[in-house]
Structures are given as C-alpha cells and as structure tokens.
Amino acid sequence: MRLLAFQTPMPTSLHLFTFLCILISISLTDGTQLILVNNCKESVWPGILGSAGHPSPKDGGFQLCSGEETVLEVPEGWSGRIWGRQGCCFDPKTGKGYCETGDCGGLLKCSGIGGVPPATLVEMTLGTSQSALHFYDVSLVDGFNLPVSMKPVGGGVGCGVAACEANLNVCCPSALVVQRQGKVVGCKSACLAAKSDRYCCTGDFASPKSCKPSEFARLFKTVCPQAYSYAYDDSAGLKTCKAPRYVITFCPPS
C-alpha cells in the first residue's frame, strides 16, 4: 500500500510580510517607534536625553550619515528631547571629541548630558494606557542650529506636524549669530543672547501675561510657524496625537 507524503507548504512572501507586521505590532504594544532620518547633506549626530526617570536610547548619541535612517523603540510614557549635532569629530576608541553645535560634554554618547545651545530641540511626552495622547513640539527656545520636523505616521485626524523646516541661520540677526571658522552654524534665542528675565520669561516675567514675544521671537515664528519661538508660545507650537510611530527628519524638505 502506497502512503501519501504530506509536505508543509513553504511560507510565501505574503506570509513573511504578515508575520513581520505581527512582530512589529507586538513590539509596539507598550511603546512607540521613533524613526530618525538624516536628509541633510552632511552627517548629523543625534543627541538624546530622557527626562528625569526616563532612559536615553542608544546611550544618548550616535552618528547618522547623510541619507541614513534608524529606528528607536521608546517605552510607554517616555519623555525627553532629541537634537541634531553638527560638525562633530570623535576619537573612534574613546568616543571623545567635539561638535560645532549641540555638543554634549565632548562625548559621542551624551549619556544624560544635554546639548549646548543654540540647538533646535524636538521635545515629547508620550502617552500611557491611562492617558493615551502624545504631546510633542519643535522648540527654538534654546536657539536654532538645523531644520527638523516630527511627523506622525497614522494617528488619525487632528494630528499635527511639529517643525522648523527653514534654515534660520540664513536670516539670523547679527546679534544672535554663532560662527565657526567664518561660517554661521547657529542662531541664538533672545534669552540665550541677552540672559535677562524679560527674554527668558523668568523672575518678574515668569507668566504668560508678563512675558511677551521679543522681536526676535516674532521673526522665528514668522519663519517657522509650527515651532515654539519662546517660553510661552504654546498656541500653535504644541502638537498632540496618538500614533504608533513618528518620523523625525533632520533637514526636512521645505
């Protein structure tokens, strides 16, 4: 009597794709995916700083070459900031060196150290199962060094794009300019340049009623309307969404 052999069918590309999608959805159940993209012509060294009690992915810093992208998995409720460092040079053995903008203690991996302003910041506080909304913004409160945007992937109607897509270094007032070797690499905020309560919204000016935007903040807002221009500029700067992933692009297409 001849027995029939039953073979298990080989997985098709569709099966593999479905399997990968399931894995991705499982991995994102308790967290959010941040996709960092470098659209600049030169390398960018992202700096990452978790808020108090939150981790800093990838030890807080790494090199992202032109045209490259990388994915960060952050846990539910993560809060922190991301910025781009430029003009960096690090010793490959020690990880020590220097960046022209956004430097964090002369280290490749910032490891809990914030960036030296001026630096364009991407700030976020992600939701939890109890409070699902994600809050995020692009801030020029610490000045500007390069264009950046944060855009949700999915999330539905009402999700906003936080961004400063223009190169503020081109129109930076002379009083705020930061130069390296004759090249403009950053633009200070009025607070950083003047270091006064009036411009920093501190002391007697520590309220929305008493602290008004300076002429420089109004310039920043005109050029980058989707970004925070000063401490109390939250009318259009702060975005909310509930998306499983976000794309953070350095030098986004404008």
Protein backbone atom coordinates (compact mmCIF):
# COMPACT_ATOMS: atom_id res chain seq x y z
CA MET A 1 0.00 0.00 0.00
CA ARG A 2 1.48 3.35 -1.02
CA LEU A 3 1.45 6.11 1.60
CA LEU A 4 0.93 9.70 0.53
CA ALA A 5 3.50 12.16 1.85
CA PHE A 6 2.08 15.43 3.06
CA GLN A 7 4.53 18.32 2.96
CA THR A 8 4.22 21.52 4.94
CA PRO A 9 3.84 24.35 2.40
CA MET A 10 6.75 26.74 2.20
CA PRO A 11 5.95 30.24 3.51
CA THR A 12 5.26 32.77 0.79
CA SER A 13 6.47 36.37 0.79
CA LEU A 14 2.96 37.41 1.83
CA HIS A 15 3.12 35.09 4.85
CA LEU A 16 6.50 36.50 5.82
CA PHE A 17 5.24 40.07 5.44
CA THR A 18 2.21 39.31 7.64
CA PHE A 19 4.47 37.68 10.23
CA LEU A 20 6.77 40.70 10.31
CA CYS A 21 3.80 43.04 10.69
CA ILE A 22 2.59 40.99 13.66
CA LEU A 23 6.02 41.16 15.26
CA ILE A 24 6.16 44.92 14.78
CA SER A 25 2.68 45.43 16.20
CA ILE A 26 3.58 43.29 19.22
CA SER A 27 6.80 45.21 19.82
CA LEU A 28 4.88 48.50 19.74
CA THR A 29 2.10 47.42 22.08
CA ASP A 30 3.76 49.03 25.09
CA GLY A 31 5.83 51.69 23.35
CA THR A 32 6.33 54.00 20.40
CA GLN A 33 8.62 53.88 17.40
CA LEU A 34 10.73 56.95 16.55
CA ILE A 35 12.24 56.87 13.06
CA LEU A 36 15.18 59.28 12.76
CA VAL A 37 16.04 60.33 9.19
CA ASN A 38 19.02 62.40 8.06
CA ASN A 39 18.07 64.37 4.96
CA CYS A 40 21.00 66.78 5.38
CA LYS A 41 23.97 66.81 3.02
CA GLU A 42 26.38 66.01 5.86
CA SER A 43 26.34 63.66 8.83
CA VAL A 44 24.26 64.54 11.87
CA TRP A 45 24.97 63.17 15.34
CA PRO A 46 21.60 62.93 17.13
CA GLY A 47 21.68 63.66 20.84
CA ILE A 48 19.01 62.04 23.03
CA LEU A 49 18.19 62.98 26.61
CA GLY A 50 15.46 61.29 28.61
CA SER A 51 13.70 63.40 31.22
CA ALA A 52 14.23 62.58 34.90
CA GLY A 53 13.44 58.91 35.45
CA HIS A 54 13.41 58.07 31.73
CA PRO A 55 16.18 56.25 29.79
CA SER A 56 18.22 57.79 26.96
CA PRO A 57 18.09 55.35 23.99
CA LYS A 58 21.38 54.38 22.34
CA ASP A 59 23.25 55.79 25.35
CA GLY A 60 22.21 59.26 24.26
CA GLY A 61 24.01 59.68 20.94
CA PHE A 62 25.32 58.23 17.68
CA GLN A 63 26.30 59.19 14.13
CA LEU A 64 23.66 59.27 11.39
CA CYS A 65 25.22 59.66 7.95
CA SER A 66 23.59 61.62 5.14
CA GLY A 67 20.67 59.64 3.67
CA GLU A 68 20.56 57.16 6.55
CA GLU A 69 17.76 56.43 8.99
CA THR A 70 17.48 54.49 12.23
CA VAL A 71 14.64 53.31 14.44
CA LEU A 72 14.37 53.93 18.18
CA GLU A 73 11.95 51.96 20.34
CA VAL A 74 10.91 54.03 23.36
CA PRO A 75 8.73 52.70 26.19
CA GLU A 76 5.20 53.78 27.02
CA GLY A 77 5.10 57.20 28.65
CA TRP A 78 8.63 58.13 27.55
CA SER A 79 9.56 61.78 27.93
CA GLY A 80 12.65 63.51 26.61
CA ARG A 81 14.30 65.53 23.88
CA ILE A 82 16.23 64.87 20.68
CA TRP A 83 18.50 67.29 18.83
CA GLY A 84 20.96 67.17 15.97
CA ARG A 85 24.67 67.84 16.47
CA GLN A 86 26.75 69.06 13.56
CA GLY A 87 30.41 69.34 12.66
CA CYS A 88 31.45 66.57 15.05
CA CYS A 89 34.77 64.75 15.31
CA PHE A 90 35.22 61.88 17.77
CA ASP A 91 38.04 59.52 18.64
CA PRO A 92 36.78 56.08 17.49
CA LYS A 93 38.37 54.39 20.52
CA THR A 94 37.33 56.72 23.34
CA GLY A 95 34.22 58.34 21.88
CA LYS A 96 35.54 61.72 22.97
CA GLY A 97 35.70 64.77 20.72
CA TYR A 98 33.75 67.89 19.91
CA CYS A 99 30.75 69.14 17.95
CA GLU A 100 30.39 72.61 16.46
CA THR A 101 26.74 72.74 17.54
CA GLY A 102 24.72 70.79 20.10
CA ASP A 103 27.83 69.40 21.84
CA CYS A 104 27.20 67.30 24.97
CA GLY A 105 30.32 67.32 27.09
CA GLY A 106 32.54 66.37 24.15
CA LEU A 107 31.07 62.86 24.03
CA LEU A 108 29.66 60.77 21.19
CA LYS A 109 27.19 59.15 23.59
CA CYS A 110 25.67 62.00 25.59
CA SER A 111 24.76 59.65 28.48
CA GLY A 112 22.50 62.03 30.37
CA ILE A 113 24.14 65.30 29.28
CA GLY A 114 22.10 67.90 27.39
CA GLY A 115 23.26 69.76 24.29
CA VAL A 116 24.94 73.15 24.42
CA PRO A 117 22.68 75.78 22.84
CA PRO A 118 21.91 77.00 20.31
CA ALA A 119 20.24 73.78 19.21
CA THR A 120 16.87 73.02 17.63
CA LEU A 121 15.04 70.69 20.02
CA VAL A 122 12.42 68.01 19.45
CA GLU A 123 10.59 67.56 22.75
CA MET A 124 7.97 64.96 23.62
CA THR A 125 5.97 63.35 26.39
CA LEU A 126 4.37 60.18 25.12
CA GLY A 127 1.08 58.74 26.34
CA THR A 128 0.26 55.82 28.58
CA SER A 129 -2.66 53.41 28.82
CA GLN A 130 -4.23 55.80 31.33
CA SER A 131 -3.56 58.96 29.28
CA ALA A 132 -3.18 57.99 25.64
CA LEU A 133 -2.33 61.30 23.96
CA HIS A 134 1.24 62.09 22.93
CA PHE A 135 2.46 65.68 23.31
CA TYR A 136 5.37 66.92 21.18
CA ASP A 137 6.93 70.08 19.76
CA VAL A 138 9.92 71.55 17.97
CA SER A 139 11.42 74.27 20.15
CA LEU A 140 13.57 77.29 19.28
CA VAL A 141 13.65 78.45 22.91
CA ASP A 142 17.29 77.28 23.08
CA GLY A 143 18.04 78.73 19.64
CA PHE A 144 18.48 77.06 16.24
CA ASN A 145 21.20 75.04 14.57
CA LEU A 146 19.46 72.99 11.85
CA PRO A 147 15.96 72.38 10.43
CA VAL A 148 14.00 69.45 11.89
CA SER A 149 10.45 68.08 11.89
CA MET A 150 8.43 65.48 13.79
CA LYS A 151 5.58 63.93 11.82
CA PRO A 152 3.17 61.20 12.98
CA VAL A 153 2.62 58.06 10.91
CA GLY A 154 -1.03 57.20 11.37
CA GLY A 155 -2.92 58.53 14.36
CA GLY A 156 -5.94 59.89 12.52
CA VAL A 157 -7.42 63.34 12.02
CA GLY A 158 -6.09 66.23 14.08
CA CYS A 159 -2.51 65.01 14.43
CA GLY A 160 -0.16 67.91 13.80
CA VAL A 161 3.34 68.26 12.40
CA ALA A 162 5.87 69.99 14.65
CA ALA A 163 8.62 71.57 12.59
CA CYS A 164 11.09 74.27 11.78
CA GLU A 165 11.78 73.41 8.16
CA ALA A 166 13.51 76.66 7.14
CA ASN A 167 17.20 77.42 7.67
CA LEU A 168 17.10 80.22 10.24
CA ASN A 169 20.88 80.62 10.00
CA VAL A 170 20.37 82.38 6.67
CA CYS A 171 18.24 85.16 8.19
CA CYS A 172 19.67 85.20 11.72
CA PRO A 173 20.09 88.75 13.14
CA SER A 174 23.76 89.65 13.61
CA ALA A 175 23.31 89.95 17.40
CA LEU A 176 22.28 86.28 17.57
CA VAL A 177 24.72 84.71 15.08
CA VAL A 178 27.07 81.88 16.14
CA GLN A 179 30.02 81.34 13.81
CA ARG A 180 32.68 78.67 13.46
CA GLN A 181 35.60 79.37 11.12
CA GLY A 182 33.68 82.18 9.43
CA LYS A 183 30.57 80.06 8.82
CA VAL A 184 27.20 80.67 10.52
CA VAL A 185 26.38 77.40 12.32
CA GLY A 186 23.70 78.55 14.74
CA CYS A 187 21.30 81.29 15.77
CA LYS A 188 20.85 82.14 19.46
CA SER A 189 17.47 82.79 21.01
CA ALA A 190 16.89 86.20 22.59
CA CYS A 191 17.04 84.52 26.01
CA LEU A 192 20.39 82.91 25.27
CA ALA A 193 21.85 86.15 23.90
CA ALA A 194 20.51 88.62 26.48
CA LYS A 195 20.28 86.30 29.52
CA SER A 196 17.65 88.53 31.09
CA ASP A 197 14.36 87.77 32.84
CA ARG A 198 12.46 89.71 30.22
CA TYR A 199 13.61 87.50 27.36
CA CYS A 200 13.84 84.25 29.35
CA CYS A 201 10.38 84.56 30.96
CA THR A 202 11.84 84.24 34.47
CA GLY A 203 11.68 86.32 37.65
CA ASP A 204 9.12 89.11 37.32
CA PHE A 205 8.34 87.91 33.79
CA ALA A 206 7.53 84.30 34.70
CA SER A 207 3.95 84.29 33.41
CA PRO A 208 2.20 84.42 30.02
CA LYS A 209 0.76 87.84 30.87
CA SER A 210 4.09 89.48 31.70
CA CYS A 211 6.35 87.68 29.20
CA LYS A 212 5.65 88.67 25.61
CA PRO A 213 7.50 87.59 22.45
CA SER A 214 10.51 89.67 21.53
CA GLU A 215 11.12 90.96 18.01
CA PHE A 216 13.48 88.01 17.55
CA ALA A 217 10.84 85.51 18.73
CA ARG A 218 8.36 87.04 16.29
CA LEU A 219 10.94 86.62 13.50
CA PHE A 220 11.41 82.95 14.46
CA LYS A 221 7.63 82.48 14.48
CA THR A 222 7.22 84.07 11.07
CA VAL A 223 9.85 81.82 9.51
CA CYS A 224 8.87 78.68 11.49
CA PRO A 225 5.17 78.95 12.44
CA GLN A 226 4.98 75.26 13.50
CA ALA A 227 7.62 75.63 16.22
CA TYR A 228 7.87 77.13 19.70
CA SER A 229 9.52 80.55 19.43
CA TYR A 230 9.69 81.47 23.14
CA ALA A 231 8.77 80.01 26.54
CA TYR A 232 5.02 80.75 26.47
CA ASP A 233 4.43 80.26 22.78
CA ASP A 234 2.15 77.23 23.02
CA SER A 235 -0.77 78.39 20.87
CA ALA A 236 0.45 76.56 17.77
CA GLY A 237 3.74 75.02 18.87
CA LEU A 238 2.46 72.12 20.96
CA LYS A 239 1.07 69.17 18.98
CA THR A 240 -0.97 66.18 20.13
CA CYS A 241 -1.56 62.78 18.57
CA LYS A 242 -1.91 59.08 19.29
CA ALA A 243 0.22 57.45 16.60
CA PRO A 244 2.24 54.22 16.87
CA ARG A 245 5.28 55.81 15.24
CA TYR A 246 6.75 59.20 14.35
CA VAL A 247 9.31 60.30 11.77
CA ILE A 248 11.87 62.83 12.97
CA THR A 249 13.68 64.31 9.98
CA PHE A 250 16.80 66.44 10.08
CA CYS A 251 16.77 68.93 7.17
CA PRO A 252 13.22 68.01 6.04
CA PRO A 253 12.07 69.05 2.56
CA SER A 254 10.57 72.52 2.86
